[in-house]
Structures are given as structure tokens and as C-alpha cells.
Amino acid sequence: MLHRREWVYGWLFLSPALLFLFAFTHYPALNTIISSFFSTPKGRRPAKFIGPENYQTLLQDEVFWKVLENNFWFAVGTIPISVALALAMALWVNSQLKGKTMARVAYFAPTVLPLIAVANIWLFFYTPGFGLIDQLRSGLFGLPAINLLGNPDTVLGAMIVVAIWKEAGFFMIFYLAALQSIPPVLKEAADIEGAGNFYYLRKVVIPLLMPTTLFVSVNAVINSFRLVDHIFVMTEGGPDNASSLLLFYIYETAFQYWQTGYAATLTVVMLLLLSVLAIGQFFLFDRKIHYR
């Protein structure tokens, strides 16, 4: 009887979270999958079942493949650098550093800024002729103005820099918390054995940080696919879709071109990609993770 009562209490405590989870995660995902097999309702014309036609259109969509390529290079450029920079900053501010509290605040400050504010700050940096970057280039080196956001060859790299600046401080907090949970006796034992700092970092600290690295890397992958605000404010996907990413293309398709059926198809593809990448990361890091 007592076991049954505990079971009921457990489900009662879980039910609010499960309700929100199903209402705002599972149901929308299922509805999106169903909508991807229907046409877009317009006016009094309801949506019609069209089978895999949206997916056939997707395979022939040159913009989709361009956006997918952009997203690949954006992920390659942001994920490893953001994670490595976050770990380096966490190690730095966790050491015996004077003014480390101010350093932590400075590193974390970009994270708490609104996305639109970050986009406007960097838009000022990148403005040709008047921006901070061109002012430094012309003042220190006498170089001509450069339009980083207007050049298809440089715009994606410029957006990668903004994303790294925004995300590295956020990931640093998780690494810092993990570093502070490592028992000091491990460092003392390493010193007694004559192990250097680099050896201790490579053989003790990094293996113990692998659960955090897995968590951070999964979030970094998700963040690399969900960027919309910066693109909307800074480039609007241009020039010639050179800075457009998958989620921004979904936004354009659904809310500017009003092709909700095709947008649902694009969303399903993005969810599948994220699922495959997340599962792949778990398998990749599984043997390297040491839980305590």
C-alpha cells in the first residue's frame, strides 16, 4: 500500500512537467511531421494531403542545399572554437588569478545580452567606413574600408565570429562549475607524484570534464542550427543567401512566403539532422566519459 502511494505521488509530481513537455514539444513535433505531407492552406482552401511531394520539392530546391552547406560550415566554425575557448576561459578564471571575479563577469557578459542587442553591436563593428573595425584598419594601417557583411566570401565568417563571442561565455559557466567540483586532493596527489600541470590537465582534468563536454557540445550543435535573430538584423540571409542558415530559411518560407507545408518539411529535416548528430555525439563520447 505504501509503495502504491509513493508511486501515485511520484506521478503527480511529474504530471505538470510531462504535460508541458507533451504540449509544447511532442505534440508540435508530431503535428509538424503530419503537416509536411499536406499542402499549405490558403484562404478558404483547406490543406490537402499531397504525400511526399514536399520532400520531392526539397530535393530539387537549390536554396535548401545552399543553406544546408552554409549551416555545415557555420557549425564547423562555431562548435570546436566555442567549446575550446570556453574551456580555456574556465581554466583561466579558475586559477589563482587576480581580479578573476571581474574576468568571469566580462566573459559571461555577452551571454546575458539580448540577441538583438548583440546583433546591433556587431552591426556597428562591421559597418563599412564608419564601423569600429574599419576605423582601426584605416587609423592604424591605412587600409581601405571593407564590407564584411556585403561580401559573399566573408559574410559567413563574420557571423561565425558573432556566434562564438556570444556563446563561449555561456559554455564557460558549465566548465567552471565542473572544474570547481573536482576534488583538490587529486591535484595534491599529482603534485606529490611529480606530475606537471599539463600532464595533470590531460590525464585528470579533461577526462573528468567529459560529461560536461558532451553536454556543451550537444548544446553547441543545437545553437548552430537555431540562429535567426542575428541573421535577421545583420544580413537578412544575404548577399545571395550566403549567410542564410536552415532555421532562418524555415522562417522565411513559413512567414514571408507563407508556404507552411514546405516549411514543415524543412523543419522535419532539421529535427532529423539534430537527432542524428546528438545520437552520434553520445556514441562518440560514450567510451570517453567518466561519471563519478
C-alpha atoms as a PDB file:
ATOM      1  CA  MET A   1       0.000   0.000   0.000  1.00  0.00           C
ATOM      2  CA  LEU A   2       2.823   2.366   0.888  1.00  0.00           C
ATOM      3  CA  HIS A   3       4.622   1.523  -2.359  1.00  0.00           C
ATOM      4  CA  ARG A   4       1.468   2.283  -4.380  1.00  0.00           C
ATOM      5  CA  ARG A   5       1.022   5.620  -2.583  1.00  0.00           C
ATOM      6  CA  GLU A   6       4.628   6.605  -3.368  1.00  0.00           C
ATOM      7  CA  TRP A   7       4.049   5.612  -6.986  1.00  0.00           C
ATOM      8  CA  VAL A   8       0.955   7.849  -7.180  1.00  0.00           C
ATOM      9  CA  TYR A   9       2.750  10.758  -5.519  1.00  0.00           C
ATOM     10  CA  GLY A  10       5.655  10.363  -7.944  1.00  0.00           C
ATOM     11  CA  TRP A  11       3.410  10.584 -10.996  1.00  0.00           C
ATOM     12  CA  LEU A  12       1.526  13.520  -9.505  1.00  0.00           C
ATOM     13  CA  PHE A  13       4.784  15.417  -9.097  1.00  0.00           C
ATOM     14  CA  LEU A  14       5.837  14.539 -12.641  1.00  0.00           C
ATOM     15  CA  SER A  15       2.497  15.265 -14.319  1.00  0.00           C
ATOM     16  CA  PRO A  16       2.871  19.098 -14.643  1.00  0.00           C
ATOM     17  CA  ALA A  17       6.284  18.752 -16.295  1.00  0.00           C
ATOM     18  CA  LEU A  18       5.039  15.908 -18.519  1.00  0.00           C
ATOM     19  CA  LEU A  19       2.012  17.960 -19.522  1.00  0.00           C
ATOM     20  CA  PHE A  20       4.155  20.895 -20.613  1.00  0.00           C
ATOM     21  CA  LEU A  21       6.604  18.545 -22.323  1.00  0.00           C
ATOM     22  CA  PHE A  22       3.915  16.877 -24.413  1.00  0.00           C
ATOM     23  CA  ALA A  23       2.019  20.136 -25.073  1.00  0.00           C
ATOM     24  CA  PHE A  24       4.995  22.212 -26.198  1.00  0.00           C
ATOM     25  CA  THR A  25       7.455  19.588 -27.502  1.00  0.00           C
ATOM     26  CA  HIS A  26       5.995  16.246 -28.554  1.00  0.00           C
ATOM     27  CA  TYR A  27       2.654  17.443 -29.907  1.00  0.00           C
ATOM     28  CA  PRO A  28       4.162  20.272 -32.051  1.00  0.00           C
ATOM     29  CA  ALA A  29       6.807  17.855 -33.384  1.00  0.00           C
ATOM     30  CA  LEU A  30       4.164  15.269 -34.307  1.00  0.00           C
ATOM     31  CA  ASN A  31       1.936  17.947 -35.847  1.00  0.00           C
ATOM     32  CA  THR A  32       4.889  19.236 -37.895  1.00  0.00           C
ATOM     33  CA  ILE A  33       5.586  15.761 -39.269  1.00  0.00           C
ATOM     34  CA  ILE A  34       1.924  15.374 -40.271  1.00  0.00           C
ATOM     35  CA  SER A  35       1.826  18.873 -41.830  1.00  0.00           C
ATOM     36  CA  SER A  36       4.829  18.059 -44.003  1.00  0.00           C
ATOM     37  CA  PHE A  37       2.611  15.696 -46.027  1.00  0.00           C
ATOM     38  CA  PHE A  38      -0.031  18.364 -46.662  1.00  0.00           C
ATOM     39  CA  SER A  39      -0.220  21.439 -48.868  1.00  0.00           C
ATOM     40  CA  THR A  40      -0.409  24.962 -47.487  1.00  0.00           C
ATOM     41  CA  PRO A  41      -3.967  26.107 -46.646  1.00  0.00           C
ATOM     42  CA  LYS A  42      -4.806  29.404 -48.334  1.00  0.00           C
ATOM     43  CA  GLY A  43      -7.931  31.412 -47.654  1.00  0.00           C
ATOM     44  CA  ARG A  44     -10.932  29.122 -47.673  1.00  0.00           C
ATOM     45  CA  ARG A  45      -8.981  26.340 -49.370  1.00  0.00           C
ATOM     46  CA  PRO A  46      -8.008  23.788 -46.720  1.00  0.00           C
ATOM     47  CA  ALA A  47      -4.775  21.854 -46.730  1.00  0.00           C
ATOM     48  CA  LYS A  48      -4.789  18.712 -48.885  1.00  0.00           C
ATOM     49  CA  PHE A  49      -2.818  15.535 -48.479  1.00  0.00           C
ATOM     50  CA  ILE A  50      -0.083  15.504 -51.132  1.00  0.00           C
ATOM     51  CA  GLY A  51       2.114  12.695 -49.836  1.00  0.00           C
ATOM     52  CA  PRO A  52       5.878  13.078 -50.334  1.00  0.00           C
ATOM     53  CA  GLU A  53       5.538  15.967 -52.803  1.00  0.00           C
ATOM     54  CA  ASN A  54       7.067  18.473 -50.382  1.00  0.00           C
ATOM     55  CA  TYR A  55      10.062  16.188 -49.869  1.00  0.00           C
ATOM     56  CA  GLN A  56      10.488  15.841 -53.640  1.00  0.00           C
ATOM     57  CA  THR A  57      10.440  19.630 -53.929  1.00  0.00           C
ATOM     58  CA  LEU A  58      13.045  19.847 -51.177  1.00  0.00           C
ATOM     59  CA  LEU A  59      15.447  17.565 -53.057  1.00  0.00           C
ATOM     60  CA  GLN A  60      15.260  19.889 -56.069  1.00  0.00           C
ATOM     61  CA  ASP A  61      15.474  23.115 -54.063  1.00  0.00           C
ATOM     62  CA  GLU A  62      18.839  24.768 -54.772  1.00  0.00           C
ATOM     63  CA  VAL A  63      18.357  27.287 -51.957  1.00  0.00           C
ATOM     64  CA  PHE A  64      17.879  24.470 -49.447  1.00  0.00           C
ATOM     65  CA  TRP A  65      21.164  22.824 -50.429  1.00  0.00           C
ATOM     66  CA  LYS A  66      22.928  26.185 -50.309  1.00  0.00           C
ATOM     67  CA  VAL A  67      21.514  26.874 -46.838  1.00  0.00           C
ATOM     68  CA  LEU A  68      22.432  23.375 -45.665  1.00  0.00           C
ATOM     69  CA  GLU A  69      26.013  23.908 -46.847  1.00  0.00           C
ATOM     70  CA  ASN A  70      26.121  27.250 -45.035  1.00  0.00           C
ATOM     71  CA  ASN A  71      24.886  25.573 -41.864  1.00  0.00           C
ATOM     72  CA  PHE A  72      27.550  22.882 -42.151  1.00  0.00           C
ATOM     73  CA  TRP A  73      30.379  25.405 -42.362  1.00  0.00           C
ATOM     74  CA  PHE A  74      28.769  27.533 -39.660  1.00  0.00           C
ATOM     75  CA  ALA A  75      28.695  24.516 -37.315  1.00  0.00           C
ATOM     76  CA  VAL A  76      32.274  23.569 -38.205  1.00  0.00           C
ATOM     77  CA  GLY A  77      33.394  27.126 -37.488  1.00  0.00           C
ATOM     78  CA  THR A  78      31.483  27.711 -34.256  1.00  0.00           C
ATOM     79  CA  ILE A  79      31.322  24.411 -32.345  1.00  0.00           C
ATOM     80  CA  PRO A  80      35.001  23.469 -31.842  1.00  0.00           C
ATOM     81  CA  ILE A  81      36.179  27.053 -31.327  1.00  0.00           C
ATOM     82  CA  SER A  82      33.372  27.899 -28.870  1.00  0.00           C
ATOM     83  CA  VAL A  83      33.964  24.751 -26.818  1.00  0.00           C
ATOM     84  CA  ALA A  84      37.762  25.118 -26.796  1.00  0.00           C
ATOM     85  CA  LEU A  85      37.566  28.821 -25.958  1.00  0.00           C
ATOM     86  CA  ALA A  86      35.054  28.150 -23.174  1.00  0.00           C
ATOM     87  CA  LEU A  87      37.357  25.522 -21.643  1.00  0.00           C
ATOM     88  CA  ALA A  88      40.357  27.848 -21.882  1.00  0.00           C
ATOM     89  CA  MET A  89      38.463  30.704 -20.244  1.00  0.00           C
ATOM     90  CA  ALA A  90      37.183  28.430 -17.478  1.00  0.00           C
ATOM     91  CA  LEU A  91      40.698  27.177 -16.734  1.00  0.00           C
ATOM     92  CA  TRP A  92      41.939  30.774 -16.703  1.00  0.00           C
ATOM     93  CA  VAL A  93      39.328  32.173 -14.317  1.00  0.00           C
ATOM     94  CA  ASN A  94      39.520  29.082 -12.090  1.00  0.00           C
ATOM     95  CA  SER A  95      43.239  29.614 -11.459  1.00  0.00           C
ATOM     96  CA  GLN A  96      44.856  31.875  -8.887  1.00  0.00           C
ATOM     97  CA  LEU A  97      44.212  34.977 -10.960  1.00  0.00           C
ATOM     98  CA  LYS A  98      43.972  38.471  -9.535  1.00  0.00           C
ATOM     99  CA  GLY A  99      40.650  40.038 -10.424  1.00  0.00           C
ATOM    100  CA  LYS A 100      39.201  36.705 -11.566  1.00  0.00           C
ATOM    101  CA  THR A 101      35.717  37.795 -10.495  1.00  0.00           C
ATOM    102  CA  MET A 102      35.807  40.677 -12.952  1.00  0.00           C
ATOM    103  CA  ALA A 103      37.195  38.346 -15.610  1.00  0.00           C
ATOM    104  CA  ARG A 104      34.291  35.947 -15.080  1.00  0.00           C
ATOM    105  CA  VAL A 105      31.799  38.794 -15.381  1.00  0.00           C
ATOM    106  CA  ALA A 106      33.487  40.070 -18.549  1.00  0.00           C
ATOM    107  CA  TYR A 107      33.476  36.626 -20.169  1.00  0.00           C
ATOM    108  CA  PHE A 108      29.871  35.938 -19.206  1.00  0.00           C
ATOM    109  CA  ALA A 109      28.506  39.405 -20.085  1.00  0.00           C
ATOM    110  CA  PRO A 110      27.823  38.687 -23.803  1.00  0.00           C
ATOM    111  CA  THR A 111      25.615  35.766 -22.786  1.00  0.00           C
ATOM    112  CA  VAL A 112      23.114  37.894 -20.858  1.00  0.00           C
ATOM    113  CA  LEU A 113      22.775  40.474 -23.638  1.00  0.00           C
ATOM    114  CA  PRO A 114      19.638  40.159 -25.796  1.00  0.00           C
ATOM    115  CA  LEU A 115      20.274  38.643 -29.224  1.00  0.00           C
ATOM    116  CA  ILE A 116      19.032  41.769 -30.980  1.00  0.00           C
ATOM    117  CA  ALA A 117      21.397  43.931 -28.911  1.00  0.00           C
ATOM    118  CA  VAL A 118      24.330  41.676 -29.813  1.00  0.00           C
ATOM    119  CA  ALA A 119      23.420  41.896 -33.488  1.00  0.00           C
ATOM    120  CA  ASN A 120      23.284  45.703 -33.361  1.00  0.00           C
ATOM    121  CA  ILE A 121      26.609  45.913 -31.523  1.00  0.00           C
ATOM    122  CA  TRP A 122      28.356  43.832 -34.162  1.00  0.00           C
ATOM    123  CA  LEU A 123      26.499  45.628 -36.935  1.00  0.00           C
ATOM    124  CA  PHE A 124      28.208  48.780 -35.683  1.00  0.00           C
ATOM    125  CA  PHE A 125      31.572  46.956 -35.707  1.00  0.00           C
ATOM    126  CA  TYR A 126      31.069  45.737 -39.288  1.00  0.00           C
ATOM    127  CA  THR A 127      29.634  48.954 -40.820  1.00  0.00           C
ATOM    128  CA  PRO A 128      31.864  49.832 -43.813  1.00  0.00           C
ATOM    129  CA  GLY A 129      33.790  53.067 -43.362  1.00  0.00           C
ATOM    130  CA  PHE A 130      32.250  54.028 -40.016  1.00  0.00           C
ATOM    131  CA  GLY A 131      32.412  50.820 -38.001  1.00  0.00           C
ATOM    132  CA  LEU A 132      34.990  50.082 -35.333  1.00  0.00           C
ATOM    133  CA  ILE A 133      36.832  47.533 -37.481  1.00  0.00           C
ATOM    134  CA  ASP A 134      37.272  49.919 -40.402  1.00  0.00           C
ATOM    135  CA  GLN A 135      38.218  52.751 -38.058  1.00  0.00           C
ATOM    136  CA  LEU A 136      41.019  50.606 -36.639  1.00  0.00           C
ATOM    137  CA  ARG A 137      42.078  49.390 -40.080  1.00  0.00           C
ATOM    138  CA  SER A 138      42.276  52.869 -41.546  1.00  0.00           C
ATOM    139  CA  GLY A 139      43.686  54.559 -38.443  1.00  0.00           C
ATOM    140  CA  LEU A 140      46.435  52.032 -37.659  1.00  0.00           C
ATOM    141  CA  PHE A 141      47.292  50.570 -41.045  1.00  0.00           C
ATOM    142  CA  GLY A 142      45.820  52.970 -43.608  1.00  0.00           C
ATOM    143  CA  LEU A 143      43.752  50.209 -45.206  1.00  0.00           C
ATOM    144  CA  PRO A 144      40.610  50.950 -47.242  1.00  0.00           C
ATOM    145  CA  ALA A 145      37.101  50.190 -45.988  1.00  0.00           C
ATOM    146  CA  ILE A 146      35.824  46.637 -46.287  1.00  0.00           C
ATOM    147  CA  ASN A 147      32.225  45.414 -46.369  1.00  0.00           C
ATOM    148  CA  LEU A 148      32.402  42.144 -44.453  1.00  0.00           C
ATOM    149  CA  LEU A 149      28.624  41.647 -44.406  1.00  0.00           C
ATOM    150  CA  GLY A 150      28.165  42.571 -48.064  1.00  0.00           C
ATOM    151  CA  ASN A 151      30.737  40.145 -49.453  1.00  0.00           C
ATOM    152  CA  PRO A 152      29.571  36.532 -50.031  1.00  0.00           C
ATOM    153  CA  ASP A 153      33.098  35.313 -49.272  1.00  0.00           C
ATOM    154  CA  THR A 154      33.318  36.943 -45.827  1.00  0.00           C
ATOM    155  CA  VAL A 155      29.764  37.267 -44.523  1.00  0.00           C
ATOM    156  CA  LEU A 156      29.507  33.744 -43.099  1.00  0.00           C
ATOM    157  CA  GLY A 157      32.852  34.095 -41.329  1.00  0.00           C
ATOM    158  CA  ALA A 158      31.688  37.387 -39.843  1.00  0.00           C
ATOM    159  CA  MET A 159      28.549  35.707 -38.498  1.00  0.00           C
ATOM    160  CA  ILE A 160      30.656  32.873 -37.048  1.00  0.00           C
ATOM    161  CA  VAL A 161      32.690  35.418 -35.054  1.00  0.00           C
ATOM    162  CA  VAL A 162      29.493  36.900 -33.591  1.00  0.00           C
ATOM    163  CA  ALA A 163      28.184  33.460 -32.582  1.00  0.00           C
ATOM    164  CA  ILE A 164      31.457  32.497 -30.890  1.00  0.00           C
ATOM    165  CA  TRP A 165      31.569  35.793 -28.986  1.00  0.00           C
ATOM    166  CA  LYS A 166      28.011  35.209 -27.791  1.00  0.00           C
ATOM    167  CA  GLU A 167      28.252  31.509 -26.861  1.00  0.00           C
ATOM    168  CA  ALA A 168      31.739  30.939 -25.430  1.00  0.00           C
ATOM    169  CA  GLY A 169      30.951  32.700 -22.146  1.00  0.00           C
ATOM    170  CA  PHE A 170      27.785  30.650 -21.705  1.00  0.00           C
ATOM    171  CA  PHE A 171      29.661  27.368 -22.122  1.00  0.00           C
ATOM    172  CA  MET A 172      32.399  28.650 -19.817  1.00  0.00           C
ATOM    173  CA  ILE A 173      29.983  28.672 -16.874  1.00  0.00           C
ATOM    174  CA  PHE A 174      29.386  24.915 -17.173  1.00  0.00           C
ATOM    175  CA  TYR A 175      33.087  24.173 -17.425  1.00  0.00           C
ATOM    176  CA  LEU A 176      33.802  26.430 -14.452  1.00  0.00           C
ATOM    177  CA  ALA A 177      31.209  24.622 -12.337  1.00  0.00           C
ATOM    178  CA  ALA A 178      32.683  21.262 -13.359  1.00  0.00           C
ATOM    179  CA  LEU A 179      36.227  22.398 -12.544  1.00  0.00           C
ATOM    180  CA  GLN A 180      35.189  23.537  -9.085  1.00  0.00           C
ATOM    181  CA  SER A 181      33.632  20.128  -8.405  1.00  0.00           C
ATOM    182  CA  ILE A 182      36.942  18.292  -8.952  1.00  0.00           C
ATOM    183  CA  PRO A 183      38.374  17.300  -5.530  1.00  0.00           C
ATOM    184  CA  PRO A 184      41.552  19.263  -4.669  1.00  0.00           C
ATOM    185  CA  VAL A 185      43.147  16.056  -3.383  1.00  0.00           C
ATOM    186  CA  LEU A 186      43.658  14.946  -6.986  1.00  0.00           C
ATOM    187  CA  LYS A 187      45.867  17.958  -7.650  1.00  0.00           C
ATOM    188  CA  GLU A 188      47.731  17.365  -4.403  1.00  0.00           C
ATOM    189  CA  ALA A 189      48.328  13.724  -5.310  1.00  0.00           C
ATOM    190  CA  ALA A 190      49.560  14.739  -8.767  1.00  0.00           C
ATOM    191  CA  ASP A 191      51.997  17.219  -7.218  1.00  0.00           C
ATOM    192  CA  ILE A 192      53.315  14.573  -4.831  1.00  0.00           C
ATOM    193  CA  GLU A 193      53.878  12.215  -7.761  1.00  0.00           C
ATOM    194  CA  GLY A 194      55.738  14.952  -9.625  1.00  0.00           C
ATOM    195  CA  ALA A 195      53.182  15.331 -12.423  1.00  0.00           C
ATOM    196  CA  GLY A 196      53.348  18.647 -14.269  1.00  0.00           C
ATOM    197  CA  ASN A 197      50.386  20.936 -14.851  1.00  0.00           C
ATOM    198  CA  PHE A 198      49.950  19.897 -18.478  1.00  0.00           C
ATOM    199  CA  TYR A 199      50.056  16.181 -17.582  1.00  0.00           C
ATOM    200  CA  TYR A 200      47.511  16.734 -14.795  1.00  0.00           C
ATOM    201  CA  LEU A 201      45.286  18.661 -17.197  1.00  0.00           C
ATOM    202  CA  ARG A 202      45.466  15.986 -19.896  1.00  0.00           C
ATOM    203  CA  LYS A 203      45.207  12.889 -17.710  1.00  0.00           C
ATOM    204  CA  VAL A 204      42.938  14.059 -14.880  1.00  0.00           C
ATOM    205  CA  VAL A 205      41.046  17.257 -15.592  1.00  0.00           C
ATOM    206  CA  ILE A 206      39.958  16.728 -19.189  1.00  0.00           C
ATOM    207  CA  PRO A 207      38.710  13.126 -18.597  1.00  0.00           C
ATOM    208  CA  LEU A 208      36.694  14.315 -15.597  1.00  0.00           C
ATOM    209  CA  LEU A 209      35.226  17.117 -17.728  1.00  0.00           C
ATOM    210  CA  MET A 210      33.963  14.780 -20.455  1.00  0.00           C
ATOM    211  CA  PRO A 211      30.331  14.698 -19.187  1.00  0.00           C
ATOM    212  CA  THR A 212      30.334  18.491 -19.311  1.00  0.00           C
ATOM    213  CA  THR A 213      31.960  18.417 -22.746  1.00  0.00           C
ATOM    214  CA  LEU A 214      29.198  16.143 -24.016  1.00  0.00           C
ATOM    215  CA  PHE A 215      26.524  18.461 -22.632  1.00  0.00           C
ATOM    216  CA  VAL A 216      28.221  21.551 -24.040  1.00  0.00           C
ATOM    217  CA  SER A 217      28.845  20.001 -27.448  1.00  0.00           C
ATOM    218  CA  VAL A 218      25.198  18.921 -27.832  1.00  0.00           C
ATOM    219  CA  ASN A 219      24.065  22.440 -26.952  1.00  0.00           C
ATOM    220  CA  ALA A 220      26.637  23.897 -29.358  1.00  0.00           C
ATOM    221  CA  VAL A 221      25.243  21.776 -32.195  1.00  0.00           C
ATOM    222  CA  ILE A 222      21.691  22.879 -31.404  1.00  0.00           C
ATOM    223  CA  ASN A 223      22.772  26.530 -31.235  1.00  0.00           C
ATOM    224  CA  SER A 224      24.479  26.259 -34.621  1.00  0.00           C
ATOM    225  CA  PHE A 225      21.115  25.368 -36.183  1.00  0.00           C
ATOM    226  CA  ARG A 226      18.834  27.800 -34.344  1.00  0.00           C
ATOM    227  CA  LEU A 227      20.330  31.172 -35.270  1.00  0.00           C
ATOM    228  CA  VAL A 228      17.719  33.582 -36.623  1.00  0.00           C
ATOM    229  CA  ASP A 229      17.909  36.915 -34.792  1.00  0.00           C
ATOM    230  CA  HIS A 230      21.446  37.841 -35.810  1.00  0.00           C
ATOM    231  CA  ILE A 231      20.806  36.991 -39.450  1.00  0.00           C
ATOM    232  CA  PHE A 232      17.505  38.866 -39.480  1.00  0.00           C
ATOM    233  CA  VAL A 233      19.075  42.068 -38.133  1.00  0.00           C
ATOM    234  CA  MET A 234      22.501  41.949 -39.787  1.00  0.00           C
ATOM    235  CA  THR A 235      22.168  40.355 -43.232  1.00  0.00           C
ATOM    236  CA  GLU A 236      18.624  39.042 -43.843  1.00  0.00           C
ATOM    237  CA  GLY A 237      20.304  35.963 -45.309  1.00  0.00           C
ATOM    238  CA  GLY A 238      22.214  37.865 -47.974  1.00  0.00           C
ATOM    239  CA  PRO A 239      24.036  38.509 -50.080  1.00  0.00           C
ATOM    240  CA  ASP A 240      22.580  35.841 -52.384  1.00  0.00           C
ATOM    241  CA  ASN A 241      21.761  33.503 -49.441  1.00  0.00           C
ATOM    242  CA  ALA A 242      25.440  33.429 -48.460  1.00  0.00           C
ATOM    243  CA  SER A 243      24.602  33.873 -44.761  1.00  0.00           C
ATOM    244  CA  SER A 244      21.222  32.154 -44.655  1.00  0.00           C
ATOM    245  CA  LEU A 245      21.014  29.183 -42.283  1.00  0.00           C
ATOM    246  CA  LEU A 246      18.433  26.416 -42.104  1.00  0.00           C
ATOM    247  CA  LEU A 247      16.212  27.838 -39.360  1.00  0.00           C
ATOM    248  CA  PHE A 248      16.217  31.283 -40.981  1.00  0.00           C
ATOM    249  CA  TYR A 249      15.198  29.671 -44.291  1.00  0.00           C
ATOM    250  CA  ILE A 250      12.358  27.914 -42.444  1.00  0.00           C
ATOM    251  CA  TYR A 251      11.285  31.283 -41.014  1.00  0.00           C
ATOM    252  CA  GLU A 252      11.343  32.875 -44.471  1.00  0.00           C
ATOM    253  CA  THR A 253       9.407  30.006 -46.025  1.00  0.00           C
ATOM    254  CA  ALA A 254       6.731  29.958 -43.325  1.00  0.00           C
ATOM    255  CA  PHE A 255       6.210  33.640 -42.509  1.00  0.00           C
ATOM    256  CA  GLN A 256       7.369  35.569 -45.572  1.00  0.00           C
ATOM    257  CA  TYR A 257       6.449  33.224 -48.436  1.00  0.00           C
ATOM    258  CA  TRP A 258       3.615  31.608 -46.417  1.00  0.00           C
ATOM    259  CA  GLN A 259       4.458  28.065 -47.536  1.00  0.00           C
ATOM    260  CA  THR A 260       3.692  26.397 -44.227  1.00  0.00           C
ATOM    261  CA  GLY A 261       3.575  22.876 -45.651  1.00  0.00           C
ATOM    262  CA  TYR A 262       7.027  23.168 -47.172  1.00  0.00           C
ATOM    263  CA  ALA A 263       8.300  24.886 -44.015  1.00  0.00           C
ATOM    264  CA  ALA A 264       7.085  21.886 -42.001  1.00  0.00           C
ATOM    265  CA  THR A 265       9.079  19.635 -44.330  1.00  0.00           C
ATOM    266  CA  LEU A 266      12.208  21.713 -43.770  1.00  0.00           C
ATOM    267  CA  THR A 267      11.598  21.542 -40.011  1.00  0.00           C
ATOM    268  CA  VAL A 268      11.347  17.744 -40.111  1.00  0.00           C
ATOM    269  CA  VAL A 269      14.666  17.579 -41.933  1.00  0.00           C
ATOM    270  CA  MET A 270      16.284  19.852 -39.349  1.00  0.00           C
ATOM    271  CA  LEU A 271      14.915  17.753 -36.473  1.00  0.00           C
ATOM    272  CA  LEU A 272      16.254  14.583 -38.097  1.00  0.00           C
ATOM    273  CA  LEU A 273      19.675  16.167 -38.574  1.00  0.00           C
ATOM    274  CA  LEU A 274      19.808  17.315 -34.955  1.00  0.00           C
ATOM    275  CA  SER A 275      18.692  13.897 -33.716  1.00  0.00           C
ATOM    276  CA  VAL A 276      21.333  12.086 -35.762  1.00  0.00           C
ATOM    277  CA  LEU A 277      24.054  14.495 -34.633  1.00  0.00           C
ATOM    278  CA  ALA A 278      23.033  14.232 -30.963  1.00  0.00           C
ATOM    279  CA  ILE A 279      22.939  10.426 -31.065  1.00  0.00           C
ATOM    280  CA  GLY A 280      26.282  10.401 -32.860  1.00  0.00           C
ATOM    281  CA  GLN A 281      27.801  12.596 -30.169  1.00  0.00           C
ATOM    282  CA  PHE A 282      26.566  10.276 -27.419  1.00  0.00           C
ATOM    283  CA  PHE A 283      28.126   7.263 -29.147  1.00  0.00           C
ATOM    284  CA  LEU A 284      31.336   9.193 -29.861  1.00  0.00           C
ATOM    285  CA  PHE A 285      31.841  10.371 -26.288  1.00  0.00           C
ATOM    286  CA  ASP A 286      30.383   7.348 -24.513  1.00  0.00           C
ATOM    287  CA  ARG A 287      33.654   5.455 -24.002  1.00  0.00           C
ATOM    288  CA  LYS A 288      35.496   8.637 -23.013  1.00  0.00           C
ATOM    289  CA  ILE A 289      33.071   9.754 -20.323  1.00  0.00           C
ATOM    290  CA  HIS A 290      33.926   9.053 -16.703  1.00  0.00           C
ATOM    291  CA  TYR A 291      30.974   9.528 -14.357  1.00  0.00           C
ATOM    292  CA  ARG A 292      31.702   9.881 -10.661  1.00  0.00           C
END
